[in-house]
C-alpha atoms as a PDB file:
ATOM      1  CA  MET A   1     -17.106 225.495 124.625  1.00  0.00           C
ATOM      2  CA  ALA A   2     -18.620 224.171 127.860  1.00  0.00           C
ATOM      3  CA  ALA A   3     -17.236 220.912 129.226  1.00  0.00           C
ATOM      4  CA  LYS A   4     -19.490 217.922 128.672  1.00  0.00           C
ATOM      5  CA  LYS A   5     -21.131 216.695 131.876  1.00  0.00           C
ATOM      6  CA  THR A   6     -20.592 213.014 132.471  1.00  0.00           C
ATOM      7  CA  PRO A   7     -22.829 210.809 134.632  1.00  0.00           C
ATOM      8  CA  ILE A   8     -21.576 209.788 138.055  1.00  0.00           C
ATOM      9  CA  THR A   9     -20.273 206.198 137.949  1.00  0.00           C
ATOM     10  CA  LYS A  10     -18.045 205.882 141.032  1.00  0.00           C
ATOM     11  CA  SER A  11     -19.308 205.722 144.603  1.00  0.00           C
ATOM     12  CA  GLU A  12     -19.255 208.950 146.562  1.00  0.00           C
ATOM     13  CA  VAL A  13     -19.916 209.643 150.255  1.00  0.00           C
ATOM     14  CA  ARG A  14     -22.054 212.701 150.938  1.00  0.00           C
ATOM     15  CA  GLN A  15     -23.150 214.172 154.255  1.00  0.00           C
ATOM     16  CA  ASP A  16     -26.568 215.613 155.024  1.00  0.00           C
ATOM     17  CA  GLU A  17     -25.522 217.922 157.839  1.00  0.00           C
ATOM     18  CA  ILE A  18     -29.004 218.937 158.974  1.00  0.00           C
ATOM     19  CA  HIS A  19     -30.500 215.450 159.028  1.00  0.00           C
ATOM     20  CA  ASP A  20     -27.197 214.040 160.381  1.00  0.00           C
ATOM     21  CA  ARG A  21     -26.862 211.289 157.797  1.00  0.00           C
ATOM     22  CA  PHE A  22     -24.151 209.933 155.553  1.00  0.00           C
ATOM     23  CA  ILE A  23     -25.346 208.910 152.108  1.00  0.00           C
ATOM     24  CA  ILE A  24     -23.283 206.748 149.739  1.00  0.00           C
ATOM     25  CA  ILE A  25     -24.172 207.505 146.140  1.00  0.00           C
ATOM     26  CA  ALA A  26     -23.412 204.183 144.415  1.00  0.00           C
ATOM     27  CA  PRO A  27     -24.755 204.059 140.824  1.00  0.00           C
ATOM     28  CA  ARG A  28     -22.860 200.840 139.965  1.00  0.00           C
ATOM     29  CA  ARG A  29     -24.969 198.890 142.487  1.00  0.00           C
ATOM     30  CA  GLN A  30     -27.933 199.197 140.136  1.00  0.00           C
ATOM     31  CA  LYS A  31     -26.294 196.447 138.069  1.00  0.00           C
ATOM     32  CA  ARG A  32     -26.087 193.892 140.884  1.00  0.00           C
ATOM     33  CA  PRO A  33     -28.120 190.699 140.232  1.00  0.00           C
ATOM     34  CA  HIS A  34     -31.522 190.100 141.820  1.00  0.00           C
ATOM     35  CA  ASP A  35     -33.378 186.817 142.056  1.00  0.00           C
ATOM     36  CA  VAL A  36     -35.972 187.897 144.646  1.00  0.00           C
ATOM     37  CA  ALA A  37     -39.321 188.763 143.094  1.00  0.00           C
ATOM     38  CA  LYS A  38     -40.505 192.324 143.566  1.00  0.00           C
ATOM     39  CA  HIS A  39     -43.662 192.814 145.605  1.00  0.00           C
ATOM     40  CA  GLN A  40     -46.616 193.619 143.384  1.00  0.00           C
ATOM     41  CA  ASP A  41     -49.520 195.738 144.597  1.00  0.00           C
ATOM     42  CA  VAL A  42     -52.876 194.015 144.231  1.00  0.00           C
ATOM     43  CA  PRO A  43     -55.682 196.550 143.680  1.00  0.00           C
ATOM     44  CA  ILE A  44     -58.733 196.171 145.904  1.00  0.00           C
ATOM     45  CA  LYS A  45     -61.937 196.171 143.896  1.00  0.00           C
ATOM     46  CA  SER A  46     -64.124 199.189 144.518  1.00  0.00           C
ATOM     47  CA  LYS A  47     -66.897 196.980 145.943  1.00  0.00           C
ATOM     48  CA  ASP A  48     -64.485 196.033 148.748  1.00  0.00           C
ATOM     49  CA  CYS A  49     -63.020 199.505 149.278  1.00  0.00           C
ATOM     50  CA  PRO A  50     -63.954 201.168 152.587  1.00  0.00           C
ATOM     51  CA  PHE A  51     -63.688 204.598 150.924  1.00  0.00           C
ATOM     52  CA  CYS A  52     -66.253 203.672 148.264  1.00  0.00           C
ATOM     53  CA  GLN A  53     -68.918 202.013 150.430  1.00  0.00           C
ATOM     54  CA  GLU A  54     -71.249 202.872 153.293  1.00  0.00           C
ATOM     55  CA  THR A  55     -68.724 201.648 155.838  1.00  0.00           C
ATOM     56  CA  LYS A  56     -68.254 202.634 159.467  1.00  0.00           C
ATOM     57  CA  LEU A  57     -65.687 205.211 158.355  1.00  0.00           C
ATOM     58  CA  MET A  58     -67.744 206.795 155.571  1.00  0.00           C
ATOM     59  CA  THR A  59     -70.934 207.078 157.623  1.00  0.00           C
ATOM     60  CA  GLN A  60     -69.340 209.028 160.469  1.00  0.00           C
ATOM     61  CA  PRO A  61     -69.394 212.850 160.303  1.00  0.00           C
ATOM     62  CA  SER A  62     -66.517 214.248 158.261  1.00  0.00           C
ATOM     63  CA  LEU A  63     -64.060 216.655 159.873  1.00  0.00           C
ATOM     64  CA  TYR A  64     -63.690 218.589 156.628  1.00  0.00           C
ATOM     65  CA  GLN A  65     -65.293 218.343 153.224  1.00  0.00           C
ATOM     66  CA  VAL A  66     -64.950 219.941 149.802  1.00  0.00           C
ATOM     67  CA  GLY A  67     -68.201 219.966 147.840  1.00  0.00           C
ATOM     68  CA  PRO A  68     -71.782 218.997 148.779  1.00  0.00           C
ATOM     69  CA  ASP A  69     -72.674 215.584 150.208  1.00  0.00           C
ATOM     70  CA  ASP A  70     -73.975 214.224 146.921  1.00  0.00           C
ATOM     71  CA  TRP A  71     -71.047 215.545 144.852  1.00  0.00           C
ATOM     72  CA  TRP A  72     -68.095 215.767 147.220  1.00  0.00           C
ATOM     73  CA  GLU A  73     -64.472 216.032 146.035  1.00  0.00           C
ATOM     74  CA  ILE A  74     -62.459 215.570 149.251  1.00  0.00           C
ATOM     75  CA  LYS A  75     -63.403 214.300 152.690  1.00  0.00           C
ATOM     76  CA  ILE A  76     -61.408 214.056 155.915  1.00  0.00           C
ATOM     77  CA  PHE A  77     -62.348 211.581 158.650  1.00  0.00           C
ATOM     78  CA  LYS A  78     -60.930 210.374 161.928  1.00  0.00           C
ATOM     79  CA  ASN A  79     -58.777 207.289 161.429  1.00  0.00           C
ATOM     80  CA  ILE A  80     -60.748 204.358 162.899  1.00  0.00           C
ATOM     81  CA  PHE A  81     -57.512 202.437 163.604  1.00  0.00           C
ATOM     82  CA  PRO A  82     -55.424 205.106 165.409  1.00  0.00           C
ATOM     83  CA  PHE A  83     -52.219 204.509 167.347  1.00  0.00           C
ATOM     84  CA  VAL A  84     -52.601 207.854 169.137  1.00  0.00           C
ATOM     85  CA  SER A  85     -55.862 209.273 170.452  1.00  0.00           C
ATOM     86  CA  PRO A  86     -57.082 212.238 172.543  1.00  0.00           C
ATOM     87  CA  ASP A  87     -58.341 209.941 175.298  1.00  0.00           C
ATOM     88  CA  ASN A  88     -54.955 208.276 175.821  1.00  0.00           C
ATOM     89  CA  PRO A  89     -52.555 210.407 177.910  1.00  0.00           C
ATOM     90  CA  LYS A  90     -49.750 207.910 177.260  1.00  0.00           C
ATOM     91  CA  ALA A  91     -50.069 208.328 173.481  1.00  0.00           C
ATOM     92  CA  TYR A  92     -51.949 211.579 172.976  1.00  0.00           C
ATOM     93  CA  GLY A  93     -52.853 212.778 169.528  1.00  0.00           C
ATOM     94  CA  TYR A  94     -55.083 212.629 166.486  1.00  0.00           C
ATOM     95  CA  GLN A  95     -54.979 210.674 163.237  1.00  0.00           C
ATOM     96  CA  GLU A  96     -57.006 211.622 160.200  1.00  0.00           C
ATOM     97  CA  VAL A  97     -57.536 210.160 156.734  1.00  0.00           C
ATOM     98  CA  VAL A  98     -57.791 212.535 153.779  1.00  0.00           C
ATOM     99  CA  ILE A  99     -59.838 210.839 151.047  1.00  0.00           C
ATOM    100  CA  GLU A 100     -58.603 212.792 148.054  1.00  0.00           C
ATOM    101  CA  THR A 101     -61.272 211.779 145.553  1.00  0.00           C
ATOM    102  CA  PRO A 102     -64.538 209.794 145.447  1.00  0.00           C
ATOM    103  CA  HIS A 103     -63.233 207.932 142.378  1.00  0.00           C
ATOM    104  CA  HIS A 104     -61.621 204.546 142.962  1.00  0.00           C
ATOM    105  CA  ASN A 105     -58.356 203.907 141.035  1.00  0.00           C
ATOM    106  CA  LYS A 106     -57.910 207.608 140.212  1.00  0.00           C
ATOM    107  CA  GLU A 107     -54.673 208.834 141.714  1.00  0.00           C
ATOM    108  CA  MET A 108     -52.969 212.152 142.272  1.00  0.00           C
ATOM    109  CA  ALA A 109     -51.066 212.327 138.985  1.00  0.00           C
ATOM    110  CA  GLU A 110     -54.461 212.226 137.257  1.00  0.00           C
ATOM    111  CA  PHE A 111     -55.937 215.048 139.337  1.00  0.00           C
ATOM    112  CA  SER A 112     -56.175 218.540 137.886  1.00  0.00           C
ATOM    113  CA  GLU A 113     -53.838 221.138 139.368  1.00  0.00           C
ATOM    114  CA  ALA A 114     -56.937 222.806 140.822  1.00  0.00           C
ATOM    115  CA  HIS A 115     -57.900 219.582 142.615  1.00  0.00           C
ATOM    116  CA  ILE A 116     -54.393 219.133 144.072  1.00  0.00           C
ATOM    117  CA  TYR A 117     -54.625 222.774 145.206  1.00  0.00           C
ATOM    118  CA  ARG A 118     -57.834 221.916 147.065  1.00  0.00           C
ATOM    119  CA  VAL A 119     -56.126 218.904 148.682  1.00  0.00           C
ATOM    120  CA  LEU A 120     -53.422 221.277 149.947  1.00  0.00           C
ATOM    121  CA  GLN A 121     -56.116 223.657 151.206  1.00  0.00           C
ATOM    122  CA  SER A 122     -57.599 220.715 153.113  1.00  0.00           C
ATOM    123  CA  TYR A 123     -54.238 220.104 154.787  1.00  0.00           C
ATOM    124  CA  ILE A 124     -54.115 223.775 155.751  1.00  0.00           C
ATOM    125  CA  ALA A 125     -57.578 223.717 157.300  1.00  0.00           C
ATOM    126  CA  ARG A 126     -56.788 220.715 159.497  1.00  0.00           C
ATOM    127  CA  THR A 127     -53.306 221.971 160.395  1.00  0.00           C
ATOM    128  CA  LYS A 128     -54.852 225.223 161.641  1.00  0.00           C
ATOM    129  CA  ALA A 129     -57.418 223.272 163.658  1.00  0.00           C
ATOM    130  CA  HIS A 130     -54.791 221.082 165.360  1.00  0.00           C
ATOM    131  CA  ALA A 131     -52.387 223.969 165.979  1.00  0.00           C
ATOM    132  CA  LYS A 132     -54.996 225.602 168.235  1.00  0.00           C
ATOM    133  CA  ASN A 133     -54.728 222.646 170.637  1.00  0.00           C
ATOM    134  CA  LYS A 134     -52.073 223.534 173.230  1.00  0.00           C
ATOM    135  CA  LYS A 135     -51.349 219.838 173.810  1.00  0.00           C
ATOM    136  CA  ILE A 136     -50.239 219.256 170.203  1.00  0.00           C
ATOM    137  CA  LYS A 137     -46.499 219.591 169.603  1.00  0.00           C
ATOM    138  CA  TYR A 138     -46.081 218.068 166.131  1.00  0.00           C
ATOM    139  CA  ILE A 139     -48.097 217.706 162.922  1.00  0.00           C
ATOM    140  CA  LEU A 140     -47.090 215.420 160.057  1.00  0.00           C
ATOM    141  CA  ILE A 141     -48.909 215.421 156.719  1.00  0.00           C
ATOM    142  CA  PHE A 142     -48.012 212.370 154.642  1.00  0.00           C
ATOM    143  CA  LYS A 143     -49.023 210.140 151.761  1.00  0.00           C
ATOM    144  CA  ASN A 144     -48.193 206.479 151.116  1.00  0.00           C
ATOM    145  CA  HIS A 145     -48.763 205.461 147.506  1.00  0.00           C
ATOM    146  CA  GLY A 146     -48.195 201.796 146.711  1.00  0.00           C
ATOM    147  CA  GLY A 147     -47.657 198.773 148.938  1.00  0.00           C
ATOM    148  CA  LYS A 148     -43.885 199.175 149.162  1.00  0.00           C
ATOM    149  CA  ALA A 149     -44.475 202.720 150.438  1.00  0.00           C
ATOM    150  CA  GLY A 150     -46.800 201.454 153.159  1.00  0.00           C
ATOM    151  CA  ALA A 151     -50.213 201.980 151.558  1.00  0.00           C
ATOM    152  CA  SER A 152     -52.824 199.433 152.607  1.00  0.00           C
ATOM    153  CA  LEU A 153     -55.525 200.708 150.219  1.00  0.00           C
ATOM    154  CA  VAL A 154     -55.454 201.668 146.545  1.00  0.00           C
ATOM    155  CA  HIS A 155     -58.042 204.468 146.775  1.00  0.00           C
ATOM    156  CA  ALA A 156     -56.170 207.794 146.726  1.00  0.00           C
ATOM    157  CA  HIS A 157     -55.726 209.097 150.238  1.00  0.00           C
ATOM    158  CA  SER A 158     -53.227 210.762 152.519  1.00  0.00           C
ATOM    159  CA  GLN A 159     -53.061 211.226 156.271  1.00  0.00           C
ATOM    160  CA  ILE A 160     -52.568 213.808 158.998  1.00  0.00           C
ATOM    161  CA  LEU A 161     -50.920 212.902 162.305  1.00  0.00           C
ATOM    162  CA  ALA A 162     -50.944 215.331 165.235  1.00  0.00           C
ATOM    163  CA  THR A 163     -49.133 214.250 168.421  1.00  0.00           C
ATOM    164  CA  GLY A 164     -48.542 215.497 171.918  1.00  0.00           C
ATOM    165  CA  PHE A 165     -44.804 214.865 171.591  1.00  0.00           C
ATOM    166  CA  LEU A 166     -42.081 215.920 169.182  1.00  0.00           C
ATOM    167  CA  PRO A 167     -40.035 213.021 167.712  1.00  0.00           C
ATOM    168  CA  SER A 168     -36.379 213.138 168.767  1.00  0.00           C
ATOM    169  CA  HIS A 169     -35.026 213.222 165.204  1.00  0.00           C
ATOM    170  CA  ILE A 170     -37.164 216.316 164.503  1.00  0.00           C
ATOM    171  CA  ILE A 171     -35.762 217.980 167.638  1.00  0.00           C
ATOM    172  CA  ASN A 172     -32.231 217.151 166.467  1.00  0.00           C
ATOM    173  CA  LYS A 173     -32.919 218.485 162.970  1.00  0.00           C
ATOM    174  CA  LEU A 174     -34.355 221.731 164.343  1.00  0.00           C
ATOM    175  CA  THR A 175     -31.390 222.106 166.692  1.00  0.00           C
ATOM    176  CA  ARG A 176     -28.881 221.721 163.873  1.00  0.00           C
ATOM    177  CA  ALA A 177     -30.822 224.130 161.645  1.00  0.00           C
ATOM    178  CA  ARG A 178     -30.896 226.690 164.471  1.00  0.00           C
ATOM    179  CA  ARG A 179     -27.149 226.251 165.052  1.00  0.00           C
ATOM    180  CA  TYR A 180     -26.525 226.784 161.340  1.00  0.00           C
ATOM    181  CA  ARG A 181     -28.564 229.999 161.446  1.00  0.00           C
ATOM    182  CA  ILE A 182     -26.707 231.293 164.515  1.00  0.00           C
ATOM    183  CA  GLN A 183     -23.270 230.476 163.120  1.00  0.00           C
ATOM    184  CA  ARG A 184     -23.863 231.720 159.568  1.00  0.00           C
ATOM    185  CA  GLY A 185     -26.568 234.304 160.026  1.00  0.00           C
ATOM    186  CA  THR A 186     -28.880 232.754 157.464  1.00  0.00           C
ATOM    187  CA  CYS A 187     -31.325 229.867 156.972  1.00  0.00           C
ATOM    188  CA  TYR A 188     -29.922 226.534 155.799  1.00  0.00           C
ATOM    189  CA  TYR A 189     -32.952 225.881 153.603  1.00  0.00           C
ATOM    190  CA  CYS A 190     -32.925 229.350 152.027  1.00  0.00           C
ATOM    191  CA  ASN A 191     -29.244 228.784 151.191  1.00  0.00           C
ATOM    192  CA  ILE A 192     -29.735 225.291 149.818  1.00  0.00           C
ATOM    193  CA  ALA A 193     -32.561 226.427 147.540  1.00  0.00           C
ATOM    194  CA  VAL A 194     -30.402 229.164 146.007  1.00  0.00           C
ATOM    195  CA  ARG A 195     -27.448 226.802 145.574  1.00  0.00           C
ATOM    196  CA  GLU A 196     -29.386 223.895 144.103  1.00  0.00           C
ATOM    197  CA  MET A 197     -31.336 226.061 141.666  1.00  0.00           C
ATOM    198  CA  GLN A 198     -28.047 227.222 140.158  1.00  0.00           C
ATOM    199  CA  GLY A 199     -26.660 223.723 139.592  1.00  0.00           C
ATOM    200  CA  LYS A 200     -27.284 220.396 137.914  1.00  0.00           C
ATOM    201  CA  ARG A 201     -29.707 219.142 140.582  1.00  0.00           C
ATOM    202  CA  LYS A 202     -32.276 221.779 139.619  1.00  0.00           C
ATOM    203  CA  ILE A 203     -35.502 220.356 138.172  1.00  0.00           C
ATOM    204  CA  TYR A 204     -38.008 223.205 137.856  1.00  0.00           C
ATOM    205  CA  GLY A 205     -38.696 226.496 139.486  1.00  0.00           C
ATOM    206  CA  ASP A 206     -40.751 229.648 139.287  1.00  0.00           C
ATOM    207  CA  LYS A 207     -40.956 232.814 141.385  1.00  0.00           C
ATOM    208  CA  TYR A 208     -42.592 230.868 144.232  1.00  0.00           C
ATOM    209  CA  ILE A 209     -41.213 227.314 144.514  1.00  0.00           C
ATOM    210  CA  SER A 210     -37.795 225.677 144.006  1.00  0.00           C
ATOM    211  CA  VAL A 211     -37.830 222.018 142.930  1.00  0.00           C
ATOM    212  CA  PHE A 212     -34.610 219.982 143.038  1.00  0.00           C
ATOM    213  CA  THR A 213     -32.996 216.702 143.971  1.00  0.00           C
ATOM    214  CA  PRO A 214     -30.986 217.254 147.179  1.00  0.00           C
ATOM    215  CA  TYR A 215     -27.210 216.745 147.185  1.00  0.00           C
ATOM    216  CA  ALA A 216     -27.383 213.934 149.763  1.00  0.00           C
ATOM    217  CA  SER A 217     -30.611 212.252 148.641  1.00  0.00           C
ATOM    218  CA  SER A 218     -31.691 209.385 150.877  1.00  0.00           C
ATOM    219  CA  TYR A 219     -33.944 207.831 148.252  1.00  0.00           C
ATOM    220  CA  ASN A 220     -33.692 207.069 144.547  1.00  0.00           C
ATOM    221  CA  TYR A 221     -35.232 210.020 142.671  1.00  0.00           C
ATOM    222  CA  GLU A 222     -35.947 211.980 145.887  1.00  0.00           C
ATOM    223  CA  VAL A 223     -37.276 215.508 145.271  1.00  0.00           C
ATOM    224  CA  TRP A 224     -37.721 218.562 147.477  1.00  0.00           C
ATOM    225  CA  LEU A 225     -40.323 221.272 146.842  1.00  0.00           C
ATOM    226  CA  LEU A 226     -39.200 224.294 148.802  1.00  0.00           C
ATOM    227  CA  PRO A 227     -40.938 227.695 148.906  1.00  0.00           C
ATOM    228  CA  LYS A 228     -38.563 230.528 148.021  1.00  0.00           C
ATOM    229  CA  ARG A 229     -40.180 232.704 150.671  1.00  0.00           C
ATOM    230  CA  HIS A 230     -39.123 231.728 154.205  1.00  0.00           C
ATOM    231  CA  VAL A 231     -42.393 230.428 155.695  1.00  0.00           C
ATOM    232  CA  ASP A 232     -42.746 228.404 158.865  1.00  0.00           C
ATOM    233  CA  ASN A 233     -45.527 226.023 157.807  1.00  0.00           C
ATOM    234  CA  ILE A 234     -48.068 225.196 155.129  1.00  0.00           C
ATOM    235  CA  THR A 235     -50.718 227.531 156.590  1.00  0.00           C
ATOM    236  CA  MET A 236     -48.531 230.528 155.735  1.00  0.00           C
ATOM    237  CA  LEU A 237     -48.393 229.837 152.012  1.00  0.00           C
ATOM    238  CA  GLU A 238     -50.228 232.410 149.920  1.00  0.00           C
ATOM    239  CA  GLU A 239     -52.623 231.459 147.135  1.00  0.00           C
ATOM    240  CA  GLU A 240     -50.121 231.748 144.285  1.00  0.00           C
ATOM    241  CA  GLU A 241     -47.498 229.789 146.240  1.00  0.00           C
ATOM    242  CA  LEU A 242     -50.011 227.027 146.917  1.00  0.00           C
ATOM    243  CA  LYS A 243     -51.055 226.908 143.256  1.00  0.00           C
ATOM    244  CA  SER A 244     -47.396 226.690 142.240  1.00  0.00           C
ATOM    245  CA  MET A 245     -46.834 223.813 144.661  1.00  0.00           C
ATOM    246  CA  ALA A 246     -49.853 221.963 143.241  1.00  0.00           C
ATOM    247  CA  LYS A 247     -48.477 222.423 139.716  1.00  0.00           C
ATOM    248  CA  MET A 248     -45.019 221.148 140.707  1.00  0.00           C
ATOM    249  CA  MET A 249     -46.448 218.177 142.631  1.00  0.00           C
ATOM    250  CA  LYS A 250     -48.411 217.040 139.582  1.00  0.00           C
ATOM    251  CA  LYS A 251     -45.317 217.265 137.353  1.00  0.00           C
ATOM    252  CA  ILE A 252     -43.110 215.292 139.734  1.00  0.00           C
ATOM    253  CA  ILE A 253     -45.661 212.588 140.546  1.00  0.00           C
ATOM    254  CA  LYS A 254     -46.385 212.037 136.848  1.00  0.00           C
ATOM    255  CA  LYS A 255     -42.658 211.455 136.305  1.00  0.00           C
ATOM    256  CA  VAL A 256     -42.500 209.054 139.278  1.00  0.00           C
ATOM    257  CA  ASN A 257     -45.392 207.142 137.702  1.00  0.00           C
ATOM    258  CA  GLN A 258     -43.372 206.806 134.502  1.00  0.00           C
ATOM    259  CA  LEU A 259     -40.843 204.878 136.579  1.00  0.00           C
ATOM    260  CA  GLY A 260     -43.611 202.672 137.985  1.00  0.00           C
ATOM    261  CA  LEU A 261     -42.486 203.388 141.545  1.00  0.00           C
ATOM    262  CA  PRO A 262     -44.422 203.664 144.800  1.00  0.00           C
ATOM    263  CA  TYR A 263     -43.704 206.827 146.748  1.00  0.00           C
ATOM    264  CA  ASN A 264     -44.176 208.709 149.985  1.00  0.00           C
ATOM    265  CA  TYR A 265     -44.457 212.419 150.450  1.00  0.00           C
ATOM    266  CA  TYR A 266     -44.476 214.282 153.701  1.00  0.00           C
ATOM    267  CA  MET A 267     -44.404 217.690 155.368  1.00  0.00           C
ATOM    268  CA  HIS A 268     -43.360 218.364 158.967  1.00  0.00           C
ATOM    269  CA  GLN A 269     -44.587 221.032 161.368  1.00  0.00           C
ATOM    270  CA  ALA A 270     -43.186 221.444 164.869  1.00  0.00           C
ATOM    271  CA  ILE A 271     -45.711 223.595 166.719  1.00  0.00           C
ATOM    272  CA  THR A 272     -43.137 224.632 169.335  1.00  0.00           C
ATOM    273  CA  GLU A 273     -40.715 225.998 166.674  1.00  0.00           C
ATOM    274  CA  LYS A 274     -41.900 229.193 164.993  1.00  0.00           C
ATOM    275  CA  ASP A 275     -39.053 229.660 162.516  1.00  0.00           C
ATOM    276  CA  GLU A 276     -38.803 226.487 160.456  1.00  0.00           C
ATOM    277  CA  HIS A 277     -38.524 226.607 156.678  1.00  0.00           C
ATOM    278  CA  PHE A 278     -41.464 224.620 155.334  1.00  0.00           C
ATOM    279  CA  TYR A 279     -40.862 222.150 152.507  1.00  0.00           C
ATOM    280  CA  MET A 280     -42.197 218.923 151.011  1.00  0.00           C
ATOM    281  CA  ARG A 281     -40.170 215.761 150.372  1.00  0.00           C
ATOM    282  CA  ILE A 282     -41.311 213.342 147.672  1.00  0.00           C
ATOM    283  CA  CYS A 283     -39.545 210.009 148.137  1.00  0.00           C
ATOM    284  CA  PRO A 284     -39.945 207.247 145.532  1.00  0.00           C
ATOM    285  CA  ARG A 285     -39.375 203.809 147.039  1.00  0.00           C
ATOM    286  CA  ARG A 286     -37.443 201.667 144.582  1.00  0.00           C
ATOM    287  CA  ASP A 287     -34.722 200.161 146.770  1.00  0.00           C
ATOM    288  CA  THR A 288     -35.365 198.432 150.087  1.00  0.00           C
ATOM    289  CA  TRP A 289     -33.160 199.336 153.029  1.00  0.00           C
ATOM    290  CA  ALA A 290     -31.326 196.213 154.181  1.00  0.00           C
ATOM    291  CA  GLY A 291     -28.524 195.170 156.531  1.00  0.00           C
ATOM    292  CA  VAL A 292     -26.112 198.006 155.692  1.00  0.00           C
ATOM    293  CA  GLU A 293     -28.702 200.742 156.201  1.00  0.00           C
ATOM    294  CA  LEU A 294     -30.296 199.168 159.272  1.00  0.00           C
ATOM    295  CA  GLY A 295     -27.005 198.182 160.904  1.00  0.00           C
ATOM    296  CA  SER A 296     -24.774 201.172 160.163  1.00  0.00           C
ATOM    297  CA  ARG A 297     -27.338 203.898 159.381  1.00  0.00           C
ATOM    298  CA  LEU A 298     -25.343 204.493 156.198  1.00  0.00           C
ATOM    299  CA  ILE A 299     -27.809 204.922 153.351  1.00  0.00           C
ATOM    300  CA  ILE A 300     -26.970 203.532 149.921  1.00  0.00           C
ATOM    301  CA  ASN A 301     -28.567 205.454 147.063  1.00  0.00           C
ATOM    302  CA  THR A 302     -28.050 203.787 143.685  1.00  0.00           C
ATOM    303  CA  VAL A 303     -29.307 206.766 141.644  1.00  0.00           C
ATOM    304  CA  ALA A 304     -27.164 209.901 141.747  1.00  0.00           C
ATOM    305  CA  PRO A 305     -29.376 212.956 142.381  1.00  0.00           C
ATOM    306  CA  GLU A 306     -27.767 214.649 139.386  1.00  0.00           C
ATOM    307  CA  ASP A 307     -28.998 211.807 137.156  1.00  0.00           C
ATOM    308  CA  ALA A 308     -32.424 211.879 138.847  1.00  0.00           C
ATOM    309  CA  ALA A 309     -32.747 215.612 138.164  1.00  0.00           C
ATOM    310  CA  LYS A 310     -31.889 215.038 134.511  1.00  0.00           C
ATOM    311  CA  PHE A 311     -34.671 212.439 134.313  1.00  0.00           C
ATOM    312  CA  TYR A 312     -37.210 214.818 135.856  1.00  0.00           C
ATOM    313  CA  ARG A 313     -36.224 217.636 133.495  1.00  0.00           C
ATOM    314  CA  GLY A 314     -36.726 215.374 130.465  1.00  0.00           C
ATOM    315  CA  LYS A 315     -39.942 215.273 128.511  1.00  0.00           C
END
């Protein structure tokens, strides 16, 4: 008879060797008292939404569009409030807004898998376009959903950032991943996918994508979606892999919505590194990093990834 698995109750220090972080899994801290009110998101009415009206943004030519003008599904525009731009050599780059739907107050968990697939195709199209620019070194695809996750508008959207520099923490991560590959003769991410899909942090999986909560999760209920095939970036995913990712994204985001949590997701691409292992991180934002995290860079996670995986596997 198999031993009964018990939930983690004591604190445990875990190291994320590739991201160079120490995470303290501390489930008991969930019970600490709070008397500070949680921030509540206040929806903007559609009549005030810049993605619903004939605003400066929506009247400029789109960079990419799915569907005809009078019945479009997805549009991508230049960000009209960029912090990098192609005419600024001191902060060179591009920022784009991906308007994921014309419908106000309809969010990704409500999209069909086919629509999420088309959102991913939109990311691919713009990633390919930016990768042709020899000045671009880094592309980040990301989504902020909810005020605590940094969203300033309710209307479903994500963003693409392409810069002429590579952030130092990405360089460090790539360096450690390369060292791991040299020392052990294999990819860290390929190894972690195999290991996690055999253990209690596994959530779902098929022949294309592994979905799990990482051992040293930085965020409550953090999830990784990692292609089983070693691919360098999102543009290399084949149709069935992309459809599988869309299916898994919908499942995970629906579960995050059950928790009532804001979330971020993001995907990195270093143009100067041709042998990354592409993956997506979905990071719900329940706890706020405070003095311990900011002062020591120790991250306190009050939900053990094993317990988070069990939640995601539940119906």
